[in-house]
Amino acid sequence: MAVITDSETATGFRLAGVEVHEAASPAEALAHLRQLVALGYGLAAVNEALLRGAEEELARLMRGRDLPILVPFPAPSAQVESGEDYIARLVKEHIGFYVKLR
């Protein structure tokens, strides 16, 4: 098994003991996937964001192949709230009122 993902999520997979190939674009992800196909890997988990826009090329690569089995997974995306929103949310949670900060 191998994982193809971005550099932000690669560390977590490495800590779990999984072989990781980092990619920053769909083209890089496909290049790594070609290597895995050539080496006879049985399972490849791929960050689904790295597959967007490369569906046709991916279909050509995998046509007529049973392996590797591709498992797309969603990458976590952090939603950062502003400092004002954070404080307003905390105030509302603790006193029960929304307070508009200026």
PDB file of N, CA and C in Angstrom:
ATOM      1  N   MET A   1       0.840  -1.182   0.000  1.00  0.00           N
ATOM      2  CA  MET A   1       0.000   0.000   0.000  1.00  0.00           C
ATOM      3  C   MET A   1       0.880   1.237   0.000  1.00  0.00           C
ATOM      4  N   ALA A   2       0.403   2.251  -0.682  1.00  0.00           N
ATOM      5  CA  ALA A   2       1.071   3.543  -0.692  1.00  0.00           C
ATOM      6  C   ALA A   2       0.010   4.639  -0.719  1.00  0.00           C
ATOM      7  N   VAL A   3       0.385   5.812  -0.232  1.00  0.00           N
ATOM      8  CA  VAL A   3      -0.505   6.964  -0.208  1.00  0.00           C
ATOM      9  C   VAL A   3       0.113   8.064  -1.050  1.00  0.00           C
ATOM     10  N   ILE A   4      -0.717   8.695  -1.868  1.00  0.00           N
ATOM     11  CA  ILE A   4      -0.297   9.867  -2.634  1.00  0.00           C
ATOM     12  C   ILE A   4      -1.106  11.039  -2.096  1.00  0.00           C
ATOM     13  N   THR A   5      -0.412  12.018  -1.535  1.00  0.00           N
ATOM     14  CA  THR A   5      -1.103  13.139  -0.913  1.00  0.00           C
ATOM     15  C   THR A   5      -0.222  14.384  -0.931  1.00  0.00           C
ATOM     16  N   ASP A   6      -0.770  15.471  -0.415  1.00  0.00           N
ATOM     17  CA  ASP A   6      -0.010  16.719  -0.344  1.00  0.00           C
ATOM     18  C   ASP A   6       0.914  16.700   0.870  1.00  0.00           C
ATOM     19  N   SER A   7       1.783  17.670   0.939  1.00  0.00           N
ATOM     20  CA  SER A   7       2.773  17.699   2.016  1.00  0.00           C
ATOM     21  C   SER A   7       2.142  17.939   3.389  1.00  0.00           C
ATOM     22  N   GLU A   8       0.982  18.597   3.431  1.00  0.00           N
ATOM     23  CA  GLU A   8       0.345  18.889   4.716  1.00  0.00           C
ATOM     24  C   GLU A   8      -0.185  17.637   5.404  1.00  0.00           C
ATOM     25  N   THR A   9      -0.685  16.682   4.642  1.00  0.00           N
ATOM     26  CA  THR A   9      -1.248  15.474   5.248  1.00  0.00           C
ATOM     27  C   THR A   9      -0.282  14.294   5.221  1.00  0.00           C
ATOM     28  N   ALA A  10       0.846  14.447   4.555  1.00  0.00           N
ATOM     29  CA  ALA A  10       1.801  13.346   4.423  1.00  0.00           C
ATOM     30  C   ALA A  10       2.378  12.906   5.770  1.00  0.00           C
ATOM     31  N   THR A  11       2.632  13.847   6.650  1.00  0.00           N
ATOM     32  CA  THR A  11       3.255  13.523   7.931  1.00  0.00           C
ATOM     33  C   THR A  11       2.415  12.554   8.749  1.00  0.00           C
ATOM     34  N   GLY A  12       1.121  12.765   8.770  1.00  0.00           N
ATOM     35  CA  GLY A  12       0.239  11.879   9.524  1.00  0.00           C
ATOM     36  C   GLY A  12       0.302  10.450   9.022  1.00  0.00           C
ATOM     37  N   PHE A  13       0.335  10.283   7.702  1.00  0.00           N
ATOM     38  CA  PHE A  13       0.435   8.938   7.138  1.00  0.00           C
ATOM     39  C   PHE A  13       1.796   8.314   7.439  1.00  0.00           C
ATOM     40  N   ARG A  14       2.839   9.136   7.379  1.00  0.00           N
ATOM     41  CA  ARG A  14       4.177   8.612   7.704  1.00  0.00           C
ATOM     42  C   ARG A  14       4.245   8.145   9.157  1.00  0.00           C
ATOM     43  N   LEU A  15       3.632   8.909  10.049  1.00  0.00           N
ATOM     44  CA  LEU A  15       3.618   8.519  11.458  1.00  0.00           C
ATOM     45  C   LEU A  15       2.876   7.197  11.665  1.00  0.00           C
ATOM     46  N   ALA A  16       1.932   6.904  10.769  1.00  0.00           N
ATOM     47  CA  ALA A  16       1.198   5.644  10.850  1.00  0.00           C
ATOM     48  C   ALA A  16       1.970   4.499  10.198  1.00  0.00           C
ATOM     49  N   GLY A  17       3.132   4.807   9.612  1.00  0.00           N
ATOM     50  CA  GLY A  17       3.960   3.766   9.015  1.00  0.00           C
ATOM     51  C   GLY A  17       3.644   3.441   7.579  1.00  0.00           C
ATOM     52  N   VAL A  18       2.926   4.312   6.911  1.00  0.00           N
ATOM     53  CA  VAL A  18       2.538   4.076   5.527  1.00  0.00           C
ATOM     54  C   VAL A  18       3.544   4.727   4.590  1.00  0.00           C
ATOM     55  N   GLU A  19       3.806   4.084   3.467  1.00  0.00           N
ATOM     56  CA  GLU A  19       4.671   4.672   2.439  1.00  0.00           C
ATOM     57  C   GLU A  19       3.919   5.826   1.788  1.00  0.00           C
ATOM     58  N   VAL A  20       4.551   6.994   1.739  1.00  0.00           N
ATOM     59  CA  VAL A  20       3.901   8.203   1.243  1.00  0.00           C
ATOM     60  C   VAL A  20       4.672   8.780   0.068  1.00  0.00           C
ATOM     61  N   HIS A  21       3.925   9.200  -0.952  1.00  0.00           N
ATOM     62  CA  HIS A  21       4.472   9.923  -2.094  1.00  0.00           C
ATOM     63  C   HIS A  21       3.779  11.280  -2.111  1.00  0.00           C
ATOM     64  N   GLU A  22       4.567  12.348  -1.999  1.00  0.00           N
ATOM     65  CA  GLU A  22       3.997  13.694  -1.966  1.00  0.00           C
ATOM     66  C   GLU A  22       3.837  14.242  -3.372  1.00  0.00           C
ATOM     67  N   ALA A  23       2.705  14.929  -3.580  1.00  0.00           N
ATOM     68  CA  ALA A  23       2.430  15.561  -4.869  1.00  0.00           C
ATOM     69  C   ALA A  23       1.772  16.910  -4.614  1.00  0.00           C
ATOM     70  N   ALA A  24       2.097  17.870  -5.460  1.00  0.00           N
ATOM     71  CA  ALA A  24       1.518  19.205  -5.326  1.00  0.00           C
ATOM     72  C   ALA A  24       0.503  19.499  -6.417  1.00  0.00           C
ATOM     73  N   SER A  25       0.396  18.613  -7.406  1.00  0.00           N
ATOM     74  CA  SER A  25      -0.521  18.838  -8.523  1.00  0.00           C
ATOM     75  C   SER A  25      -1.028  17.492  -9.030  1.00  0.00           C
ATOM     76  N   PRO A  26      -2.117  17.514  -9.806  1.00  0.00           N
ATOM     77  CA  PRO A  26      -2.601  16.266 -10.395  1.00  0.00           C
ATOM     78  C   PRO A  26      -1.561  15.595 -11.289  1.00  0.00           C
ATOM     79  N   ALA A  27      -0.755  16.374 -11.989  1.00  0.00           N
ATOM     80  CA  ALA A  27       0.280  15.789 -12.860  1.00  0.00           C
ATOM     81  C   ALA A  27       1.303  15.015 -12.038  1.00  0.00           C
ATOM     82  N   GLU A  28       1.716  15.571 -10.911  1.00  0.00           N
ATOM     83  CA  GLU A  28       2.666  14.871 -10.038  1.00  0.00           C
ATOM     84  C   GLU A  28       2.028  13.618  -9.432  1.00  0.00           C
ATOM     85  N   ALA A  29       0.761  13.714  -9.060  1.00  0.00           N
ATOM     86  CA  ALA A  29       0.068  12.555  -8.496  1.00  0.00           C
ATOM     87  C   ALA A  29      -0.021  11.430  -9.523  1.00  0.00           C
ATOM     88  N   LEU A  30      -0.312  11.770 -10.778  1.00  0.00           N
ATOM     89  CA  LEU A  30      -0.376  10.751 -11.833  1.00  0.00           C
ATOM     90  C   LEU A  30       0.990  10.131 -12.087  1.00  0.00           C
ATOM     91  N   ALA A  31       2.042  10.916 -11.998  1.00  0.00           N
ATOM     92  CA  ALA A  31       3.392  10.374 -12.182  1.00  0.00           C
ATOM     93  C   ALA A  31       3.706   9.357 -11.082  1.00  0.00           C
ATOM     94  N   HIS A  32       3.339   9.675  -9.849  1.00  0.00           N
ATOM     95  CA  HIS A  32       3.542   8.728  -8.751  1.00  0.00           C
ATOM     96  C   HIS A  32       2.687   7.481  -8.952  1.00  0.00           C
ATOM     97  N   LEU A  33       1.461   7.676  -9.426  1.00  0.00           N
ATOM     98  CA  LEU A  33       0.576   6.540  -9.644  1.00  0.00           C
ATOM     99  C   LEU A  33       1.121   5.628 -10.745  1.00  0.00           C
ATOM    100  N   ARG A  34       1.698   6.215 -11.785  1.00  0.00           N
ATOM    101  CA  ARG A  34       2.325   5.398 -12.843  1.00  0.00           C
ATOM    102  C   ARG A  34       3.436   4.519 -12.261  1.00  0.00           C
ATOM    103  N   GLN A  35       4.220   5.087 -11.346  1.00  0.00           N
ATOM    104  CA  GLN A  35       5.280   4.309 -10.690  1.00  0.00           C
ATOM    105  C   GLN A  35       4.694   3.155  -9.886  1.00  0.00           C
ATOM    106  N   LEU A  36       3.620   3.415  -9.169  1.00  0.00           N
ATOM    107  CA  LEU A  36       3.002   2.368  -8.362  1.00  0.00           C
ATOM    108  C   LEU A  36       2.437   1.254  -9.243  1.00  0.00           C
ATOM    109  N   VAL A  37       1.859   1.631 -10.383  1.00  0.00           N
ATOM    110  CA  VAL A  37       1.347   0.636 -11.332  1.00  0.00           C
ATOM    111  C   VAL A  37       2.499  -0.221 -11.842  1.00  0.00           C
ATOM    112  N   ALA A  38       3.599   0.422 -12.221  1.00  0.00           N
ATOM    113  CA  ALA A  38       4.756  -0.304 -12.762  1.00  0.00           C
ATOM    114  C   ALA A  38       5.375  -1.243 -11.727  1.00  0.00           C
ATOM    115  N   LEU A  39       5.317  -0.861 -10.457  1.00  0.00           N
ATOM    116  CA  LEU A  39       5.910  -1.673  -9.405  1.00  0.00           C
ATOM    117  C   LEU A  39       4.955  -2.751  -8.868  1.00  0.00           C
ATOM    118  N   GLY A  40       3.720  -2.769  -9.352  1.00  0.00           N
ATOM    119  CA  GLY A  40       2.769  -3.805  -8.971  1.00  0.00           C
ATOM    120  C   GLY A  40       2.111  -3.636  -7.613  1.00  0.00           C
ATOM    121  N   TYR A  41       1.938  -2.404  -7.168  1.00  0.00           N
ATOM    122  CA  TYR A  41       1.263  -2.169  -5.886  1.00  0.00           C
ATOM    123  C   TYR A  41      -0.182  -2.650  -5.974  1.00  0.00           C
ATOM    124  N   GLY A  42      -0.723  -3.084  -4.837  1.00  0.00           N
ATOM    125  CA  GLY A  42      -2.083  -3.582  -4.802  1.00  0.00           C
ATOM    126  C   GLY A  42      -3.108  -2.552  -4.366  1.00  0.00           C
ATOM    127  N   LEU A  43      -2.670  -1.541  -3.599  1.00  0.00           N
ATOM    128  CA  LEU A  43      -3.595  -0.553  -3.067  1.00  0.00           C
ATOM    129  C   LEU A  43      -2.915   0.807  -3.047  1.00  0.00           C
ATOM    130  N   ALA A  44      -3.628   1.804  -3.539  1.00  0.00           N
ATOM    131  CA  ALA A  44      -3.113   3.175  -3.529  1.00  0.00           C
ATOM    132  C   ALA A  44      -4.218   4.099  -3.047  1.00  0.00           C
ATOM    133  N   ALA A  45      -3.971   4.773  -1.944  1.00  0.00           N
ATOM    134  CA  ALA A  45      -4.903   5.781  -1.437  1.00  0.00           C
ATOM    135  C   ALA A  45      -4.425   7.124  -1.966  1.00  0.00           C
ATOM    136  N   VAL A  46      -5.343   7.880  -2.581  1.00  0.00           N
ATOM    137  CA  VAL A  46      -4.968   9.134  -3.226  1.00  0.00           C
ATOM    138  C   VAL A  46      -5.855  10.260  -2.707  1.00  0.00           C
ATOM    139  N   ASN A  47      -5.228  11.360  -2.345  1.00  0.00           N
ATOM    140  CA  ASN A  47      -5.942  12.569  -1.943  1.00  0.00           C
ATOM    141  C   ASN A  47      -6.832  12.982  -3.116  1.00  0.00           C
ATOM    142  N   GLU A  48      -8.154  13.032  -2.902  1.00  0.00           N
ATOM    143  CA  GLU A  48      -9.075  13.288  -4.000  1.00  0.00           C
ATOM    144  C   GLU A  48      -8.875  14.657  -4.651  1.00  0.00           C
ATOM    145  N   ALA A  49      -8.320  15.605  -3.926  1.00  0.00           N
ATOM    146  CA  ALA A  49      -8.055  16.923  -4.513  1.00  0.00           C
ATOM    147  C   ALA A  49      -6.995  16.824  -5.612  1.00  0.00           C
ATOM    148  N   LEU A  50      -6.116  15.825  -5.497  1.00  0.00           N
ATOM    149  CA  LEU A  50      -5.066  15.648  -6.501  1.00  0.00           C
ATOM    150  C   LEU A  50      -5.555  14.900  -7.733  1.00  0.00           C
ATOM    151  N   LEU A  51      -6.784  14.423  -7.706  1.00  0.00           N
ATOM    152  CA  LEU A  51      -7.338  13.726  -8.867  1.00  0.00           C
ATOM    153  C   LEU A  51      -8.239  14.626  -9.698  1.00  0.00           C
ATOM    154  N   ARG A  52      -8.625  15.771  -9.150  1.00  0.00           N
ATOM    155  CA  ARG A  52      -9.526  16.682  -9.868  1.00  0.00           C
ATOM    156  C   ARG A  52      -8.859  17.212 -11.129  1.00  0.00           C
ATOM    157  N   GLY A  53      -9.587  17.096 -12.215  1.00  0.00           N
ATOM    158  CA  GLY A  53      -9.081  17.592 -13.493  1.00  0.00           C
ATOM    159  C   GLY A  53      -8.241  16.586 -14.249  1.00  0.00           C
ATOM    160  N   ALA A  54      -7.975  15.443 -13.654  1.00  0.00           N
ATOM    161  CA  ALA A  54      -7.147  14.433 -14.314  1.00  0.00           C
ATOM    162  C   ALA A  54      -7.922  13.136 -14.536  1.00  0.00           C
ATOM    163  N   GLU A  55      -9.249  13.238 -14.572  1.00  0.00           N
ATOM    164  CA  GLU A  55     -10.080  12.049 -14.664  1.00  0.00           C
ATOM    165  C   GLU A  55      -9.839  11.242 -15.937  1.00  0.00           C
ATOM    166  N   GLU A  56      -9.711  11.938 -17.082  1.00  0.00           N
ATOM    167  CA  GLU A  56      -9.507  11.223 -18.349  1.00  0.00           C
ATOM    168  C   GLU A  56      -8.175  10.488 -18.377  1.00  0.00           C
ATOM    169  N   GLU A  57      -7.131  11.159 -17.952  1.00  0.00           N
ATOM    170  CA  GLU A  57      -5.811  10.521 -17.942  1.00  0.00           C
ATOM    171  C   GLU A  57      -5.767   9.374 -16.937  1.00  0.00           C
ATOM    172  N   LEU A  58      -6.433   9.542 -15.820  1.00  0.00           N
ATOM    173  CA  LEU A  58      -6.518   8.482 -14.822  1.00  0.00           C
ATOM    174  C   LEU A  58      -7.260   7.271 -15.388  1.00  0.00           C
ATOM    175  N   ALA A  59      -8.349   7.527 -16.098  1.00  0.00           N
ATOM    176  CA  ALA A  59      -9.108   6.432 -16.711  1.00  0.00           C
ATOM    177  C   ALA A  59      -8.260   5.692 -17.736  1.00  0.00           C
ATOM    178  N   ARG A  60      -7.470   6.427 -18.524  1.00  0.00           N
ATOM    179  CA  ARG A  60      -6.581   5.782 -19.505  1.00  0.00           C
ATOM    180  C   ARG A  60      -5.530   4.922 -18.810  1.00  0.00           C
ATOM    181  N   LEU A  61      -4.973   5.441 -17.739  1.00  0.00           N
ATOM    182  CA  LEU A  61      -3.941   4.718 -17.004  1.00  0.00           C
ATOM    183  C   LEU A  61      -4.482   3.424 -16.398  1.00  0.00           C
ATOM    184  N   MET A  62      -5.688   3.471 -15.866  1.00  0.00           N
ATOM    185  CA  MET A  62      -6.242   2.328 -15.151  1.00  0.00           C
ATOM    186  C   MET A  62      -7.081   1.400 -16.040  1.00  0.00           C
ATOM    187  N   ARG A  63      -7.296   1.759 -17.301  1.00  0.00           N
ATOM    188  CA  ARG A  63      -8.112   0.941 -18.193  1.00  0.00           C
ATOM    189  C   ARG A  63      -7.521  -0.463 -18.316  1.00  0.00           C
ATOM    190  N   GLY A  64      -8.351  -1.469 -18.071  1.00  0.00           N
ATOM    191  CA  GLY A  64      -7.927  -2.855 -18.204  1.00  0.00           C
ATOM    192  C   GLY A  64      -7.093  -3.376 -17.042  1.00  0.00           C
ATOM    193  N   ARG A  65      -6.944  -2.604 -15.992  1.00  0.00           N
ATOM    194  CA  ARG A  65      -6.142  -3.025 -14.834  1.00  0.00           C
ATOM    195  C   ARG A  65      -7.041  -3.258 -13.629  1.00  0.00           C
ATOM    196  N   ASP A  66      -6.706  -4.285 -12.893  1.00  0.00           N
ATOM    197  CA  ASP A  66      -7.405  -4.530 -11.639  1.00  0.00           C
ATOM    198  C   ASP A  66      -6.656  -3.919 -10.460  1.00  0.00           C
ATOM    199  N   LEU A  67      -5.346  -3.802 -10.603  1.00  0.00           N
ATOM    200  CA  LEU A  67      -4.511  -3.283  -9.522  1.00  0.00           C
ATOM    201  C   LEU A  67      -3.657  -2.131 -10.015  1.00  0.00           C
ATOM    202  N   PRO A  68      -3.370  -1.195  -9.205  1.00  0.00           N
ATOM    203  CA  PRO A  68      -3.757  -1.085  -7.810  1.00  0.00           C
ATOM    204  C   PRO A  68      -5.211  -0.634  -7.672  1.00  0.00           C
ATOM    205  N   ILE A  69      -5.802  -1.027  -6.573  1.00  0.00           N
ATOM    206  CA  ILE A  69      -7.127  -0.523  -6.235  1.00  0.00           C
ATOM    207  C   ILE A  69      -6.924   0.903  -5.742  1.00  0.00           C
ATOM    208  N   LEU A  70      -7.663   1.836  -6.330  1.00  0.00           N
ATOM    209  CA  LEU A  70      -7.536   3.246  -5.937  1.00  0.00           C
ATOM    210  C   LEU A  70      -8.594   3.599  -4.917  1.00  0.00           C
ATOM    211  N   VAL A  71      -8.150   4.187  -3.831  1.00  0.00           N
ATOM    212  CA  VAL A  71      -9.050   4.630  -2.770  1.00  0.00           C
ATOM    213  C   VAL A  71      -8.874   6.138  -2.616  1.00  0.00           C
ATOM    214  N   PRO A  72      -9.780   6.933  -3.182  1.00  0.00           N
ATOM    215  CA  PRO A  72      -9.678   8.383  -2.979  1.00  0.00           C
ATOM    216  C   PRO A  72     -10.146   8.739  -1.570  1.00  0.00           C
ATOM    217  N   PHE A  73      -9.459   9.669  -0.950  1.00  0.00           N
ATOM    218  CA  PHE A  73      -9.871  10.115   0.384  1.00  0.00           C
ATOM    219  C   PHE A  73      -9.889  11.633   0.406  1.00  0.00           C
ATOM    220  N   PRO A  74     -10.837  12.200   1.146  1.00  0.00           N
ATOM    221  CA  PRO A  74     -10.897  13.661   1.236  1.00  0.00           C
ATOM    222  C   PRO A  74      -9.805  14.173   2.161  1.00  0.00           C
ATOM    223  N   ALA A  75      -9.155  15.212   1.744  1.00  0.00           N
ATOM    224  CA  ALA A  75      -8.129  15.826   2.588  1.00  0.00           C
ATOM    225  C   ALA A  75      -8.809  16.773   3.561  1.00  0.00           C
ATOM    226  N   PRO A  76      -8.361  16.788   4.788  1.00  0.00           N
ATOM    227  CA  PRO A  76      -8.955  17.728   5.734  1.00  0.00           C
ATOM    228  C   PRO A  76      -8.638  19.158   5.317  1.00  0.00           C
ATOM    229  N   SER A  77      -9.624  20.003   5.465  1.00  0.00           N
ATOM    230  CA  SER A  77      -9.397  21.410   5.138  1.00  0.00           C
ATOM    231  C   SER A  77      -9.707  22.240   6.373  1.00  0.00           C
ATOM    232  N   ALA A  78      -8.752  23.005   6.767  1.00  0.00           N
ATOM    233  CA  ALA A  78      -8.915  23.834   7.962  1.00  0.00           C
ATOM    234  C   ALA A  78      -9.697  25.088   7.615  1.00  0.00           C
ATOM    235  N   GLN A  79     -10.646  25.388   8.448  1.00  0.00           N
ATOM    236  CA  GLN A  79     -11.384  26.631   8.282  1.00  0.00           C
ATOM    237  C   GLN A  79     -10.972  27.545   9.424  1.00  0.00           C
ATOM    238  N   VAL A  80     -10.292  28.600   9.081  1.00  0.00           N
ATOM    239  CA  VAL A  80      -9.770  29.509  10.090  1.00  0.00           C
ATOM    240  C   VAL A  80     -10.726  30.683  10.220  1.00  0.00           C
ATOM    241  N   GLU A  81     -11.173  30.906  11.434  1.00  0.00           N
ATOM    242  CA  GLU A  81     -12.050  32.039  11.654  1.00  0.00           C
ATOM    243  C   GLU A  81     -11.227  33.226  12.143  1.00  0.00           C
ATOM    244  N   SER A  82     -11.734  34.402  11.911  1.00  0.00           N
ATOM    245  CA  SER A  82     -11.003  35.592  12.327  1.00  0.00           C
ATOM    246  C   SER A  82     -10.999  35.676  13.850  1.00  0.00           C
ATOM    247  N   GLY A  83     -10.108  36.487  14.369  1.00  0.00           N
ATOM    248  CA  GLY A  83     -10.014  36.669  15.812  1.00  0.00           C
ATOM    249  C   GLY A  83     -11.296  37.219  16.408  1.00  0.00           C
ATOM    250  N   GLU A  84     -11.923  38.166  15.700  1.00  0.00           N
ATOM    251  CA  GLU A  84     -13.180  38.737  16.187  1.00  0.00           C
ATOM    252  C   GLU A  84     -14.285  37.694  16.225  1.00  0.00           C
ATOM    253  N   ASP A  85     -14.374  36.876  15.180  1.00  0.00           N
ATOM    254  CA  ASP A  85     -15.396  35.831  15.135  1.00  0.00           C
ATOM    255  C   ASP A  85     -15.179  34.823  16.260  1.00  0.00           C
ATOM    256  N   TYR A  86     -13.931  34.487  16.519  1.00  0.00           N
ATOM    257  CA  TYR A  86     -13.601  33.538  17.579  1.00  0.00           C
ATOM    258  C   TYR A  86     -14.035  34.080  18.942  1.00  0.00           C
ATOM    259  N   ILE A  87     -13.695  35.329  19.217  1.00  0.00           N
ATOM    260  CA  ILE A  87     -14.052  35.933  20.505  1.00  0.00           C
ATOM    261  C   ILE A  87     -15.565  36.057  20.629  1.00  0.00           C
ATOM    262  N   ALA A  88     -16.231  36.481  19.561  1.00  0.00           N
ATOM    263  CA  ALA A  88     -17.688  36.611  19.597  1.00  0.00           C
ATOM    264  C   ALA A  88     -18.348  35.256  19.848  1.00  0.00           C
ATOM    265  N   ARG A  89     -17.821  34.199  19.245  1.00  0.00           N
ATOM    266  CA  ARG A  89     -18.369  32.860  19.445  1.00  0.00           C
ATOM    267  C   ARG A  89     -18.174  32.414  20.895  1.00  0.00           C
ATOM    268  N   LEU A  90     -16.984  32.666  21.445  1.00  0.00           N
ATOM    269  CA  LEU A  90     -16.734  32.304  22.847  1.00  0.00           C
ATOM    270  C   LEU A  90     -17.664  33.048  23.803  1.00  0.00           C
ATOM    271  N   VAL A  91     -17.842  34.340  23.553  1.00  0.00           N
ATOM    272  CA  VAL A  91     -18.725  35.136  24.419  1.00  0.00           C
ATOM    273  C   VAL A  91     -20.143  34.593  24.342  1.00  0.00           C
ATOM    274  N   LYS A  92     -20.625  34.297  23.144  1.00  0.00           N
ATOM    275  CA  LYS A  92     -21.983  33.769  22.980  1.00  0.00           C
ATOM    276  C   LYS A  92     -22.133  32.416  23.675  1.00  0.00           C
ATOM    277  N   GLU A  93     -21.121  31.564  23.574  1.00  0.00           N
ATOM    278  CA  GLU A  93     -21.187  30.257  24.220  1.00  0.00           C
ATOM    279  C   GLU A  93     -21.244  30.373  25.732  1.00  0.00           C
ATOM    280  N   HIS A  94     -20.528  31.353  26.309  1.00  0.00           N
ATOM    281  CA  HIS A  94     -20.420  31.423  27.766  1.00  0.00           C
ATOM    282  C   HIS A  94     -21.454  32.309  28.435  1.00  0.00           C
ATOM    283  N   ILE A  95     -21.887  33.379  27.775  1.00  0.00           N
ATOM    284  CA  ILE A  95     -22.894  34.221  28.432  1.00  0.00           C
ATOM    285  C   ILE A  95     -24.250  34.143  27.726  1.00  0.00           C
ATOM    286  N   GLY A  96     -24.286  33.527  26.550  1.00  0.00           N
ATOM    287  CA  GLY A  96     -25.560  33.332  25.883  1.00  0.00           C
ATOM    288  C   GLY A  96     -26.032  34.478  25.022  1.00  0.00           C
ATOM    289  N   PHE A  97     -25.202  35.488  24.830  1.00  0.00           N
ATOM    290  CA  PHE A  97     -25.571  36.626  24.002  1.00  0.00           C
ATOM    291  C   PHE A  97     -24.530  36.846  22.925  1.00  0.00           C
ATOM    292  N   TYR A  98     -25.008  37.274  21.776  1.00  0.00           N
ATOM    293  CA  TYR A  98     -24.082  37.648  20.709  1.00  0.00           C
ATOM    294  C   TYR A  98     -23.659  39.089  20.954  1.00  0.00           C
ATOM    295  N   VAL A  99     -22.354  39.325  20.926  1.00  0.00           N
ATOM    296  CA  VAL A  99     -21.826  40.657  21.133  1.00  0.00           C
ATOM    297  C   VAL A  99     -21.068  41.062  19.888  1.00  0.00           C
ATOM    298  N   LYS A 100     -21.469  42.215  19.330  1.00  0.00           N
ATOM    299  CA  LYS A 100     -20.775  42.697  18.135  1.00  0.00           C
ATOM    300  C   LYS A 100     -19.564  43.494  18.578  1.00  0.00           C
ATOM    301  N   LEU A 101     -18.400  43.082  18.071  1.00  0.00           N
ATOM    302  CA  LEU A 101     -17.156  43.753  18.428  1.00  0.00           C
ATOM    303  C   LEU A 101     -16.814  44.805  17.388  1.00  0.00           C
ATOM    304  N   ARG A 102     -16.259  45.928  17.851  1.00  0.00           N
ATOM    305  CA  ARG A 102     -15.867  46.983  16.908  1.00  0.00           C
ATOM    306  C   ARG A 102     -14.378  47.143  16.923  1.00  0.00           C
TER     307      ARG A 102
END
